[in-house]
Amino acid sequence: MKIFGPLYDRVIEWSRHRFAERYLAALQDVPRHLYEAADIDGAGSAWRLRHITLPLLRPVMMPAVVLGT
């Protein structure tokens, strides 16, 4: 089983890297007009995070959470 140790480590490392890339791409895909509208309404940064950013990132974050990476 020791033969698969380095291979397993590389697969885990690769999957973490891929999730990070997808997360950053999803952050860039969040429409700016939603943040602008929230600013006009007087929303704080915590409200914007909870009600705009996290719901739009949920499809990207869930596989990472489920797979534990």
Protein backbone atom coordinates (compact mmCIF):
# COMPACT_ATOMS: atom_id res chain seq x y z
CA MET A 1 0.00 0.00 0.00
CA LYS A 2 2.92 2.37 0.44
CA ILE A 3 3.29 2.45 -3.32
CA PHE A 4 0.02 4.42 -3.64
CA GLY A 5 0.87 6.95 -0.91
CA PRO A 6 2.63 9.49 -3.15
CA LEU A 7 0.03 9.04 -5.89
CA TYR A 8 -2.80 9.62 -3.41
CA ASP A 9 -1.06 12.75 -2.11
CA ARG A 10 -0.72 14.13 -5.63
CA VAL A 11 -4.38 13.45 -6.42
CA ILE A 12 -5.48 15.28 -3.25
CA GLU A 13 -3.15 18.17 -4.02
CA TRP A 14 -4.47 18.40 -7.59
CA SER A 15 -8.11 18.35 -6.48
CA ARG A 16 -7.52 21.15 -3.97
CA HIS A 17 -5.85 23.21 -6.65
CA ARG A 18 -8.74 22.64 -9.05
CA PHE A 19 -11.32 23.66 -6.43
CA ALA A 20 -9.35 26.83 -5.72
CA GLU A 21 -9.35 27.71 -9.42
CA ARG A 22 -13.09 27.12 -9.68
CA TYR A 23 -13.75 29.16 -6.54
CA LEU A 24 -11.76 32.12 -7.88
CA ALA A 25 -13.49 31.89 -11.25
CA ALA A 26 -16.89 31.85 -9.54
CA LEU A 27 -15.95 34.93 -7.53
CA GLN A 28 -15.20 36.78 -10.74
CA ASP A 29 -18.54 35.67 -12.16
CA VAL A 30 -20.64 37.33 -9.42
CA PRO A 31 -22.49 40.22 -11.09
CA ARG A 32 -21.23 43.59 -9.86
CA HIS A 33 -24.64 45.20 -10.24
CA LEU A 34 -25.88 43.14 -7.29
CA TYR A 35 -23.21 44.67 -5.07
CA GLU A 36 -23.97 48.13 -6.39
CA ALA A 37 -27.68 47.69 -5.64
CA ALA A 38 -26.85 46.47 -2.14
CA ASP A 39 -24.64 49.53 -1.60
CA ILE A 40 -27.48 51.81 -2.67
CA ASP A 41 -29.80 50.03 -0.24
CA GLY A 42 -27.27 50.53 2.56
CA ALA A 43 -26.29 46.89 3.04
CA GLY A 44 -23.13 46.15 4.99
CA SER A 45 -20.34 43.85 3.96
CA ALA A 46 -21.58 40.96 6.11
CA TRP A 47 -25.05 41.20 4.53
CA ARG A 48 -23.55 41.24 1.03
CA LEU A 49 -21.44 38.19 1.84
CA ARG A 50 -24.37 36.24 3.29
CA HIS A 51 -27.06 37.20 0.80
CA ILE A 52 -25.16 37.74 -2.46
CA THR A 53 -21.75 36.09 -2.51
CA LEU A 54 -22.34 32.82 -0.65
CA PRO A 55 -25.58 31.85 -2.43
CA LEU A 56 -23.96 32.43 -5.82
CA LEU A 57 -20.87 30.43 -4.82
CA ARG A 58 -22.83 27.51 -3.34
CA PRO A 59 -22.67 25.35 -6.52
CA VAL A 60 -18.89 25.67 -6.48
CA MET A 61 -18.40 25.28 -2.72
CA MET A 62 -20.60 22.23 -2.16
CA PRO A 63 -18.42 19.67 -3.99
CA ALA A 64 -15.40 20.88 -2.03
CA VAL A 65 -17.31 20.57 1.24
CA VAL A 66 -18.71 17.14 0.40
CA LEU A 67 -15.34 15.79 -0.74
CA GLY A 68 -13.62 17.30 2.27
CA THR A 69 -10.98 19.27 0.46
